[in-house]
Structure formats: structure tokens, C-alpha cells
Amino acid sequence: MFGERLPLMRGLVERVDKEFSDVLNNDVLNQIYGREEKLDIKTRELCTVTMLSVLNRLDDLKSHLGAALNLGWSLDEIKDCLLLCCIPGGWPAAIDW
């Protein structure tokens, strides 16, 4: 999903706290992002991009936009989703990035 950035991301977290890195990788990434019984990983990533945009989390958004593109979303599809989310998420936060 994150391609070549994943080892870098894991390494950064691991240097700060090994135990937290293990929880993040095993529990969050594998058990939440990895489960596809209800939503596939592609849809999960689009939801993540949308939330990060609304929350104005620009640094995190860059990685997740790359992941969404790697998973097959087009820029037009991502833009359309962000436009849709501007209404409940708030125009300023969604268009600020």
C-alpha cells in the first residue's frame, strides 16, 4: 500500500518506541487496515485520505494519497470524494491543503 515508504515509516516509529511500533504494525495495520471482510483496502484508503484532508493532517495525507494512487484510485476519483466530504467536513479544512 505504501510501497517503498513503508520500511522508512516503520523504521522511524521503531527508533522512537519498539513496542509501539509492534502494536502499530501488528494491530493497527494488519488487523484494521488488513481486514477486508466489510471494506476492501482500496476503499479503506480512500476513507483515510478523506479524513486526513478534513482534519488538515497534511504530512500524513501525502503518504496516504500515494497509497491511494498505488491502490488504483485516480486523482479525479479522489477529488470527487474530497468534494463530497467538504459539506459535512467543512469547506475550509477540506480545501486548505
PDB file of N, CA and C in Angstrom:
ATOM      1  N   MET A   1       0.832  -1.185   0.000  1.00  0.00           N
ATOM      2  CA  MET A   1       0.000   0.000   0.000  1.00  0.00           C
ATOM      3  C   MET A   1       0.878   1.250   0.000  1.00  0.00           C
ATOM      4  N   PHE A   2       1.884   1.315   0.870  1.00  0.00           N
ATOM      5  CA  PHE A   2       2.749   2.481   0.938  1.00  0.00           C
ATOM      6  C   PHE A   2       4.004   2.325   0.094  1.00  0.00           C
ATOM      7  N   GLY A   3       4.176   1.169  -0.514  1.00  0.00           N
ATOM      8  CA  GLY A   3       5.316   0.940  -1.394  1.00  0.00           C
ATOM      9  C   GLY A   3       6.642   1.092  -0.676  1.00  0.00           C
ATOM     10  N   GLU A   4       7.541   1.798  -1.305  1.00  0.00           N
ATOM     11  CA  GLU A   4       8.901   1.945  -0.782  1.00  0.00           C
ATOM     12  C   GLU A   4       8.979   2.779   0.488  1.00  0.00           C
ATOM     13  N   ARG A   5       7.925   3.505   0.825  1.00  0.00           N
ATOM     14  CA  ARG A   5       7.938   4.351   2.035  1.00  0.00           C
ATOM     15  C   ARG A   5       7.693   3.556   3.311  1.00  0.00           C
ATOM     16  N   LEU A   6       7.114   2.357   3.199  1.00  0.00           N
ATOM     17  CA  LEU A   6       6.751   1.588   4.387  1.00  0.00           C
ATOM     18  C   LEU A   6       7.953   1.269   5.277  1.00  0.00           C
ATOM     19  N   PRO A   7       9.061   0.751   4.756  1.00  0.00           N
ATOM     20  CA  PRO A   7      10.195   0.485   5.648  1.00  0.00           C
ATOM     21  C   PRO A   7      10.701   1.754   6.347  1.00  0.00           C
ATOM     22  N   LEU A   8      10.700   2.865   5.655  1.00  0.00           N
ATOM     23  CA  LEU A   8      11.123   4.129   6.262  1.00  0.00           C
ATOM     24  C   LEU A   8      10.183   4.520   7.396  1.00  0.00           C
ATOM     25  N   MET A   9       8.882   4.418   7.143  1.00  0.00           N
ATOM     26  CA  MET A   9       7.891   4.761   8.156  1.00  0.00           C
ATOM     27  C   MET A   9       8.030   3.853   9.377  1.00  0.00           C
ATOM     28  N   ARG A  10       8.170   2.563   9.143  1.00  0.00           N
ATOM     29  CA  ARG A  10       8.327   1.610  10.255  1.00  0.00           C
ATOM     30  C   ARG A  10       9.598   1.897  11.036  1.00  0.00           C
ATOM     31  N   GLY A  11      10.674   2.192  10.322  1.00  0.00           N
ATOM     32  CA  GLY A  11      11.947   2.467  10.967  1.00  0.00           C
ATOM     33  C   GLY A  11      11.894   3.681  11.865  1.00  0.00           C
ATOM     34  N   LEU A  12      11.200   4.724  11.421  1.00  0.00           N
ATOM     35  CA  LEU A  12      11.083   5.937  12.231  1.00  0.00           C
ATOM     36  C   LEU A  12      10.352   5.673  13.532  1.00  0.00           C
ATOM     37  N   VAL A  13       9.258   4.947  13.450  1.00  0.00           N
ATOM     38  CA  VAL A  13       8.474   4.651  14.654  1.00  0.00           C
ATOM     39  C   VAL A  13       9.251   3.703  15.554  1.00  0.00           C
ATOM     40  N   GLU A  14       9.904   2.713  14.966  1.00  0.00           N
ATOM     41  CA  GLU A  14      10.644   1.727  15.747  1.00  0.00           C
ATOM     42  C   GLU A  14      11.784   2.366  16.547  1.00  0.00           C
ATOM     43  N   ARG A  15      12.434   3.373  15.962  1.00  0.00           N
ATOM     44  CA  ARG A  15      13.522   4.050  16.674  1.00  0.00           C
ATOM     45  C   ARG A  15      13.029   4.792  17.908  1.00  0.00           C
ATOM     46  N   VAL A  16      11.800   5.279  17.850  1.00  0.00           N
ATOM     47  CA  VAL A  16      11.231   6.001  18.986  1.00  0.00           C
ATOM     48  C   VAL A  16      10.751   5.029  20.053  1.00  0.00           C
ATOM     49  N   ASP A  17      10.022   3.988  19.623  1.00  0.00           N
ATOM     50  CA  ASP A  17       9.449   3.046  20.596  1.00  0.00           C
ATOM     51  C   ASP A  17       9.166   1.717  19.900  1.00  0.00           C
ATOM     52  N   LYS A  18       9.967   0.718  20.187  1.00  0.00           N
ATOM     53  CA  LYS A  18       9.851  -0.599  19.546  1.00  0.00           C
ATOM     54  C   LYS A  18       8.499  -1.241  19.844  1.00  0.00           C
ATOM     55  N   GLU A  19       8.066  -1.180  21.098  1.00  0.00           N
ATOM     56  CA  GLU A  19       6.794  -1.801  21.468  1.00  0.00           C
ATOM     57  C   GLU A  19       5.629  -1.133  20.735  1.00  0.00           C
ATOM     58  N   PHE A  20       5.643   0.191  20.669  1.00  0.00           N
ATOM     59  CA  PHE A  20       4.587   0.907  19.956  1.00  0.00           C
ATOM     60  C   PHE A  20       4.615   0.545  18.473  1.00  0.00           C
ATOM     61  N   SER A  21       5.798   0.408  17.911  1.00  0.00           N
ATOM     62  CA  SER A  21       5.934   0.022  16.514  1.00  0.00           C
ATOM     63  C   SER A  21       5.312  -1.348  16.252  1.00  0.00           C
ATOM     64  N   ASP A  22       5.549  -2.275  17.169  1.00  0.00           N
ATOM     65  CA  ASP A  22       4.957  -3.616  17.025  1.00  0.00           C
ATOM     66  C   ASP A  22       3.433  -3.560  17.075  1.00  0.00           C
ATOM     67  N   VAL A  23       2.900  -2.779  18.016  1.00  0.00           N
ATOM     68  CA  VAL A  23       1.436  -2.634  18.122  1.00  0.00           C
ATOM     69  C   VAL A  23       0.887  -1.984  16.856  1.00  0.00           C
ATOM     70  N   LEU A  24       1.548  -0.928  16.400  1.00  0.00           N
ATOM     71  CA  LEU A  24       1.106  -0.229  15.203  1.00  0.00           C
ATOM     72  C   LEU A  24       1.082  -1.168  14.002  1.00  0.00           C
ATOM     73  N   ASN A  25       2.163  -1.902  13.808  1.00  0.00           N
ATOM     74  CA  ASN A  25       2.249  -2.788  12.645  1.00  0.00           C
ATOM     75  C   ASN A  25       1.332  -3.992  12.754  1.00  0.00           C
ATOM     76  N   ASN A  26       1.301  -4.630  13.911  1.00  0.00           N
ATOM     77  CA  ASN A  26       0.521  -5.858  14.065  1.00  0.00           C
ATOM     78  C   ASN A  26      -0.960  -5.606  14.264  1.00  0.00           C
ATOM     79  N   ASP A  27      -1.285  -4.650  15.108  1.00  0.00           N
ATOM     80  CA  ASP A  27      -2.685  -4.419  15.435  1.00  0.00           C
ATOM     81  C   ASP A  27      -3.367  -3.451  14.480  1.00  0.00           C
ATOM     82  N   VAL A  28      -2.788  -2.277  14.324  1.00  0.00           N
ATOM     83  CA  VAL A  28      -3.443  -1.254  13.502  1.00  0.00           C
ATOM     84  C   VAL A  28      -3.383  -1.612  12.020  1.00  0.00           C
ATOM     85  N   LEU A  29      -2.189  -1.801  11.499  1.00  0.00           N
ATOM     86  CA  LEU A  29      -2.067  -2.040  10.061  1.00  0.00           C
ATOM     87  C   LEU A  29      -2.648  -3.387   9.638  1.00  0.00           C
ATOM     88  N   ASN A  30      -2.332  -4.431  10.359  1.00  0.00           N
ATOM     89  CA  ASN A  30      -2.785  -5.753   9.940  1.00  0.00           C
ATOM     90  C   ASN A  30      -4.238  -6.036  10.305  1.00  0.00           C
ATOM     91  N   GLN A  31      -4.630  -5.700  11.529  1.00  0.00           N
ATOM     92  CA  GLN A  31      -5.967  -6.071  11.972  1.00  0.00           C
ATOM     93  C   GLN A  31      -7.046  -5.073  11.578  1.00  0.00           C
ATOM     94  N   ILE A  32      -6.681  -3.814  11.380  1.00  0.00           N
ATOM     95  CA  ILE A  32      -7.696  -2.834  10.982  1.00  0.00           C
ATOM     96  C   ILE A  32      -7.616  -2.569   9.486  1.00  0.00           C
ATOM     97  N   TYR A  33      -6.444  -2.139   9.007  1.00  0.00           N
ATOM     98  CA  TYR A  33      -6.313  -1.901   7.577  1.00  0.00           C
ATOM     99  C   TYR A  33      -6.324  -3.201   6.794  1.00  0.00           C
ATOM    100  N   GLY A  34      -5.817  -4.262   7.391  1.00  0.00           N
ATOM    101  CA  GLY A  34      -5.682  -5.522   6.681  1.00  0.00           C
ATOM    102  C   GLY A  34      -6.957  -6.324   6.544  1.00  0.00           C
ATOM    103  N   ARG A  35      -7.938  -6.048   7.374  1.00  0.00           N
ATOM    104  CA  ARG A  35      -9.175  -6.840   7.278  1.00  0.00           C
ATOM    105  C   ARG A  35     -10.002  -6.338   6.103  1.00  0.00           C
ATOM    106  N   GLU A  36     -10.547  -7.264   5.368  1.00  0.00           N
ATOM    107  CA  GLU A  36     -11.309  -6.873   4.184  1.00  0.00           C
ATOM    108  C   GLU A  36     -12.677  -7.544   4.136  1.00  0.00           C
ATOM    109  N   GLU A  37     -13.168  -7.987   5.296  1.00  0.00           N
ATOM    110  CA  GLU A  37     -14.471  -8.657   5.312  1.00  0.00           C
ATOM    111  C   GLU A  37     -15.611  -7.716   4.927  1.00  0.00           C
ATOM    112  N   LYS A  38     -15.461  -6.434   5.295  1.00  0.00           N
ATOM    113  CA  LYS A  38     -16.545  -5.482   5.034  1.00  0.00           C
ATOM    114  C   LYS A  38     -16.146  -4.414   4.033  1.00  0.00           C
ATOM    115  N   LEU A  39     -14.925  -3.910   4.149  1.00  0.00           N
ATOM    116  CA  LEU A  39     -14.417  -2.901   3.210  1.00  0.00           C
ATOM    117  C   LEU A  39     -13.067  -3.363   2.681  1.00  0.00           C
ATOM    118  N   ASP A  40     -12.878  -3.261   1.384  1.00  0.00           N
ATOM    119  CA  ASP A  40     -11.583  -3.619   0.816  1.00  0.00           C
ATOM    120  C   ASP A  40     -10.558  -2.526   1.137  1.00  0.00           C
ATOM    121  N   ILE A  41      -9.284  -2.865   0.992  1.00  0.00           N
ATOM    122  CA  ILE A  41      -8.199  -1.954   1.356  1.00  0.00           C
ATOM    123  C   ILE A  41      -8.240  -0.668   0.527  1.00  0.00           C
ATOM    124  N   LYS A  42      -8.670  -0.776  -0.717  1.00  0.00           N
ATOM    125  CA  LYS A  42      -8.754   0.406  -1.577  1.00  0.00           C
ATOM    126  C   LYS A  42      -9.752   1.420  -1.008  1.00  0.00           C
ATOM    127  N   THR A  43     -10.916   0.933  -0.584  1.00  0.00           N
ATOM    128  CA  THR A  43     -11.944   1.803  -0.003  1.00  0.00           C
ATOM    129  C   THR A  43     -11.495   2.359   1.335  1.00  0.00           C
ATOM    130  N   ARG A  44     -10.838   1.531   2.144  1.00  0.00           N
ATOM    131  CA  ARG A  44     -10.324   1.989   3.435  1.00  0.00           C
ATOM    132  C   ARG A  44      -9.347   3.150   3.242  1.00  0.00           C
ATOM    133  N   GLU A  45      -8.510   3.039   2.223  1.00  0.00           N
ATOM    134  CA  GLU A  45      -7.519   4.092   1.989  1.00  0.00           C
ATOM    135  C   GLU A  45      -8.186   5.388   1.542  1.00  0.00           C
ATOM    136  N   LEU A  46      -9.223   5.294   0.726  1.00  0.00           N
ATOM    137  CA  LEU A  46      -9.946   6.500   0.319  1.00  0.00           C
ATOM    138  C   LEU A  46     -10.596   7.167   1.525  1.00  0.00           C
ATOM    139  N   CYS A  47     -11.134   6.378   2.439  1.00  0.00           N
ATOM    140  CA  CYS A  47     -11.701   6.930   3.676  1.00  0.00           C
ATOM    141  C   CYS A  47     -10.621   7.639   4.490  1.00  0.00           C
ATOM    142  N   THR A  48      -9.444   7.048   4.549  1.00  0.00           N
ATOM    143  CA  THR A  48      -8.339   7.640   5.300  1.00  0.00           C
ATOM    144  C   THR A  48      -7.907   8.961   4.686  1.00  0.00           C
ATOM    145  N   VAL A  49      -7.781   9.003   3.364  1.00  0.00           N
ATOM    146  CA  VAL A  49      -7.411  10.239   2.668  1.00  0.00           C
ATOM    147  C   VAL A  49      -8.430  11.327   2.969  1.00  0.00           C
ATOM    148  N   THR A  50      -9.681  10.973   2.939  1.00  0.00           N
ATOM    149  CA  THR A  50     -10.739  11.945   3.188  1.00  0.00           C
ATOM    150  C   THR A  50     -10.661  12.487   4.617  1.00  0.00           C
ATOM    151  N   MET A  51     -10.499  11.602   5.589  1.00  0.00           N
ATOM    152  CA  MET A  51     -10.421  12.047   6.985  1.00  0.00           C
ATOM    153  C   MET A  51      -9.194  12.929   7.226  1.00  0.00           C
ATOM    154  N   LEU A  52      -8.066  12.539   6.666  1.00  0.00           N
ATOM    155  CA  LEU A  52      -6.854  13.337   6.859  1.00  0.00           C
ATOM    156  C   LEU A  52      -7.002  14.715   6.229  1.00  0.00           C
ATOM    157  N   SER A  53      -7.707  14.788   5.117  1.00  0.00           N
ATOM    158  CA  SER A  53      -7.947  16.075   4.478  1.00  0.00           C
ATOM    159  C   SER A  53      -8.830  16.961   5.353  1.00  0.00           C
ATOM    160  N   VAL A  54      -9.910  16.394   5.854  1.00  0.00           N
ATOM    161  CA  VAL A  54     -10.829  17.158   6.688  1.00  0.00           C
ATOM    162  C   VAL A  54     -10.147  17.613   7.978  1.00  0.00           C
ATOM    163  N   LEU A  55      -9.250  16.775   8.501  1.00  0.00           N
ATOM    164  CA  LEU A  55      -8.530  17.113   9.734  1.00  0.00           C
ATOM    165  C   LEU A  55      -7.308  17.995   9.491  1.00  0.00           C
ATOM    166  N   ASN A  56      -7.019  18.270   8.208  1.00  0.00           N
ATOM    167  CA  ASN A  56      -5.886  19.112   7.812  1.00  0.00           C
ATOM    168  C   ASN A  56      -4.544  18.515   8.276  1.00  0.00           C
ATOM    169  N   ARG A  57      -4.417  17.213   8.162  1.00  0.00           N
ATOM    170  CA  ARG A  57      -3.188  16.493   8.534  1.00  0.00           C
ATOM    171  C   ARG A  57      -2.337  16.303   7.281  1.00  0.00           C
ATOM    172  N   LEU A  58      -1.712  17.378   6.828  1.00  0.00           N
ATOM    173  CA  LEU A  58      -1.032  17.401   5.536  1.00  0.00           C
ATOM    174  C   LEU A  58       0.140  16.433   5.434  1.00  0.00           C
ATOM    175  N   ASP A  59       0.935  16.297   6.480  1.00  0.00           N
ATOM    176  CA  ASP A  59       2.072  15.383   6.416  1.00  0.00           C
ATOM    177  C   ASP A  59       1.610  13.939   6.234  1.00  0.00           C
ATOM    178  N   ASP A  60       0.610  13.540   6.994  1.00  0.00           N
ATOM    179  CA  ASP A  60       0.066  12.186   6.869  1.00  0.00           C
ATOM    180  C   ASP A  60      -0.655  12.010   5.537  1.00  0.00           C
ATOM    181  N   LEU A  61      -1.298  13.061   5.082  1.00  0.00           N
ATOM    182  CA  LEU A  61      -2.056  12.998   3.842  1.00  0.00           C
ATOM    183  C   LEU A  61      -1.170  12.651   2.647  1.00  0.00           C
ATOM    184  N   LYS A  62       0.044  13.172   2.615  1.00  0.00           N
ATOM    185  CA  LYS A  62       0.953  12.891   1.499  1.00  0.00           C
ATOM    186  C   LYS A  62       1.190  11.400   1.346  1.00  0.00           C
ATOM    187  N   SER A  63       1.473  10.719   2.427  1.00  0.00           N
ATOM    188  CA  SER A  63       1.710   9.271   2.369  1.00  0.00           C
ATOM    189  C   SER A  63       0.460   8.521   1.934  1.00  0.00           C
ATOM    190  N   HIS A  64      -0.663   8.921   2.485  1.00  0.00           N
ATOM    191  CA  HIS A  64      -1.899   8.203   2.169  1.00  0.00           C
ATOM    192  C   HIS A  64      -2.411   8.510   0.768  1.00  0.00           C
ATOM    193  N   LEU A  65      -2.151   9.697   0.257  1.00  0.00           N
ATOM    194  CA  LEU A  65      -2.504   9.974  -1.145  1.00  0.00           C
ATOM    195  C   LEU A  65      -1.704   9.058  -2.064  1.00  0.00           C
ATOM    196  N   GLY A  66      -0.423   8.906  -1.773  1.00  0.00           N
ATOM    197  CA  GLY A  66       0.408   7.992  -2.552  1.00  0.00           C
ATOM    198  C   GLY A  66      -0.109   6.569  -2.477  1.00  0.00           C
ATOM    199  N   ALA A  67      -0.508   6.153  -1.282  1.00  0.00           N
ATOM    200  CA  ALA A  67      -1.047   4.802  -1.112  1.00  0.00           C
ATOM    201  C   ALA A  67      -2.350   4.636  -1.901  1.00  0.00           C
ATOM    202  N   ALA A  68      -3.222   5.637  -1.846  1.00  0.00           N
ATOM    203  CA  ALA A  68      -4.486   5.563  -2.578  1.00  0.00           C
ATOM    204  C   ALA A  68      -4.238   5.451  -4.087  1.00  0.00           C
ATOM    205  N   LEU A  69      -3.291   6.220  -4.580  1.00  0.00           N
ATOM    206  CA  LEU A  69      -2.946   6.137  -6.003  1.00  0.00           C
ATOM    207  C   LEU A  69      -2.357   4.765  -6.335  1.00  0.00           C
ATOM    208  N   ASN A  70      -1.508   4.251  -5.455  1.00  0.00           N
ATOM    209  CA  ASN A  70      -0.923   2.916  -5.663  1.00  0.00           C
ATOM    210  C   ASN A  70      -1.980   1.820  -5.668  1.00  0.00           C
ATOM    211  N   LEU A  71      -3.052   2.030  -4.930  1.00  0.00           N
ATOM    212  CA  LEU A  71      -4.118   1.035  -4.858  1.00  0.00           C
ATOM    213  C   LEU A  71      -5.113   1.150  -6.015  1.00  0.00           C
ATOM    214  N   GLY A  72      -4.945   2.162  -6.854  1.00  0.00           N
ATOM    215  CA  GLY A  72      -5.780   2.239  -8.051  1.00  0.00           C
ATOM    216  C   GLY A  72      -6.772   3.381  -8.127  1.00  0.00           C
ATOM    217  N   TRP A  73      -6.835   4.225  -7.114  1.00  0.00           N
ATOM    218  CA  TRP A  73      -7.723   5.387  -7.213  1.00  0.00           C
ATOM    219  C   TRP A  73      -7.106   6.404  -8.164  1.00  0.00           C
ATOM    220  N   SER A  74      -7.922   7.045  -8.963  1.00  0.00           N
ATOM    221  CA  SER A  74      -7.426   8.107  -9.833  1.00  0.00           C
ATOM    222  C   SER A  74      -7.524   9.437  -9.095  1.00  0.00           C
ATOM    223  N   LEU A  75      -6.775  10.431  -9.564  1.00  0.00           N
ATOM    224  CA  LEU A  75      -6.874  11.761  -8.957  1.00  0.00           C
ATOM    225  C   LEU A  75      -8.288  12.305  -9.063  1.00  0.00           C
ATOM    226  N   ASP A  76      -8.959  12.062 -10.181  1.00  0.00           N
ATOM    227  CA  ASP A  76     -10.333  12.543 -10.344  1.00  0.00           C
ATOM    228  C   ASP A  76     -11.275  11.904  -9.321  1.00  0.00           C
ATOM    229  N   GLU A  77     -11.095  10.611  -9.049  1.00  0.00           N
ATOM    230  CA  GLU A  77     -11.940   9.942  -8.058  1.00  0.00           C
ATOM    231  C   GLU A  77     -11.669  10.492  -6.655  1.00  0.00           C
ATOM    232  N   ILE A  78     -10.401  10.724  -6.342  1.00  0.00           N
ATOM    233  CA  ILE A  78     -10.052  11.275  -5.030  1.00  0.00           C
ATOM    234  C   ILE A  78     -10.611  12.680  -4.882  1.00  0.00           C
ATOM    235  N   LYS A  79     -10.468  13.499  -5.924  1.00  0.00           N
ATOM    236  CA  LYS A  79     -11.011  14.861  -5.874  1.00  0.00           C
ATOM    237  C   LYS A  79     -12.518  14.842  -5.680  1.00  0.00           C
ATOM    238  N   ASP A  80     -13.203  13.941  -6.364  1.00  0.00           N
ATOM    239  CA  ASP A  80     -14.649  13.867  -6.248  1.00  0.00           C
ATOM    240  C   ASP A  80     -15.067  13.481  -4.830  1.00  0.00           C
ATOM    241  N   CYS A  81     -14.349  12.551  -4.237  1.00  0.00           N
ATOM    242  CA  CYS A  81     -14.640  12.152  -2.864  1.00  0.00           C
ATOM    243  C   CYS A  81     -14.393  13.311  -1.904  1.00  0.00           C
ATOM    244  N   LEU A  82     -13.290  14.031  -2.093  1.00  0.00           N
ATOM    245  CA  LEU A  82     -12.994  15.180  -1.228  1.00  0.00           C
ATOM    246  C   LEU A  82     -14.047  16.264  -1.375  1.00  0.00           C
ATOM    247  N   LEU A  83     -14.500  16.495  -2.592  1.00  0.00           N
ATOM    248  CA  LEU A  83     -15.550  17.490  -2.812  1.00  0.00           C
ATOM    249  C   LEU A  83     -16.824  17.089  -2.083  1.00  0.00           C
ATOM    250  N   LEU A  84     -17.178  15.825  -2.167  1.00  0.00           N
ATOM    251  CA  LEU A  84     -18.365  15.333  -1.481  1.00  0.00           C
ATOM    252  C   LEU A  84     -18.242  15.532   0.032  1.00  0.00           C
ATOM    253  N   CYS A  85     -17.061  15.319   0.566  1.00  0.00           N
ATOM    254  CA  CYS A  85     -16.840  15.402   2.013  1.00  0.00           C
ATOM    255  C   CYS A  85     -16.667  16.827   2.515  1.00  0.00           C
ATOM    256  N   CYS A  86     -16.553  17.778   1.603  1.00  0.00           N
ATOM    257  CA  CYS A  86     -16.426  19.176   2.023  1.00  0.00           C
ATOM    258  C   CYS A  86     -17.650  19.652   2.799  1.00  0.00           C
ATOM    259  N   ILE A  87     -18.790  19.161   2.422  1.00  0.00           N
ATOM    260  CA  ILE A  87     -20.022  19.641   3.052  1.00  0.00           C
ATOM    261  C   ILE A  87     -20.071  19.227   4.524  1.00  0.00           C
ATOM    262  N   PRO A  88     -20.007  17.920   4.853  1.00  0.00           N
ATOM    263  CA  PRO A  88     -20.053  17.576   6.281  1.00  0.00           C
ATOM    264  C   PRO A  88     -18.734  17.850   7.006  1.00  0.00           C
ATOM    265  N   GLY A  89     -17.623  17.849   6.278  1.00  0.00           N
ATOM    266  CA  GLY A  89     -16.320  18.037   6.910  1.00  0.00           C
ATOM    267  C   GLY A  89     -15.918  19.479   7.077  1.00  0.00           C
ATOM    268  N   GLY A  90     -16.569  20.350   6.388  1.00  0.00           N
ATOM    269  CA  GLY A  90     -16.241  21.775   6.492  1.00  0.00           C
ATOM    270  C   GLY A  90     -15.386  22.227   5.317  1.00  0.00           C
ATOM    271  N   TRP A  91     -15.859  23.207   4.609  1.00  0.00           N
ATOM    272  CA  TRP A  91     -15.144  23.707   3.433  1.00  0.00           C
ATOM    273  C   TRP A  91     -13.716  24.148   3.733  1.00  0.00           C
ATOM    274  N   PRO A  92     -13.476  24.960   4.755  1.00  0.00           N
ATOM    275  CA  PRO A  92     -12.102  25.456   4.961  1.00  0.00           C
ATOM    276  C   PRO A  92     -11.086  24.352   5.164  1.00  0.00           C
ATOM    277  N   ALA A  93     -11.414  23.364   5.983  1.00  0.00           N
ATOM    278  CA  ALA A  93     -10.441  22.293   6.246  1.00  0.00           C
ATOM    279  C   ALA A  93     -10.202  21.458   5.001  1.00  0.00           C
ATOM    280  N   ALA A  94     -11.231  21.196   4.235  1.00  0.00           N
ATOM    281  CA  ALA A  94     -11.100  20.317   3.079  1.00  0.00           C
ATOM    282  C   ALA A  94     -10.372  20.977   1.918  1.00  0.00           C
ATOM    283  N   ILE A  95     -10.468  22.296   1.767  1.00  0.00           N
ATOM    284  CA  ILE A  95      -9.809  22.937   0.638  1.00  0.00           C
ATOM    285  C   ILE A  95      -8.495  23.608   1.004  1.00  0.00           C
ATOM    286  N   ASP A  96      -8.143  23.574   2.275  1.00  0.00           N
ATOM    287  CA  ASP A  96      -6.927  24.227   2.749  1.00  0.00           C
ATOM    288  C   ASP A  96      -5.649  23.564   2.245  1.00  0.00           C
ATOM    289  N   TRP A  97      -5.682  22.301   1.966  1.00  0.00           N
ATOM    290  CA  TRP A  97      -4.449  21.611   1.584  1.00  0.00           C
ATOM    291  C   TRP A  97      -4.157  21.840   0.141  1.00  0.00           C
TER     292      TRP A  97
END
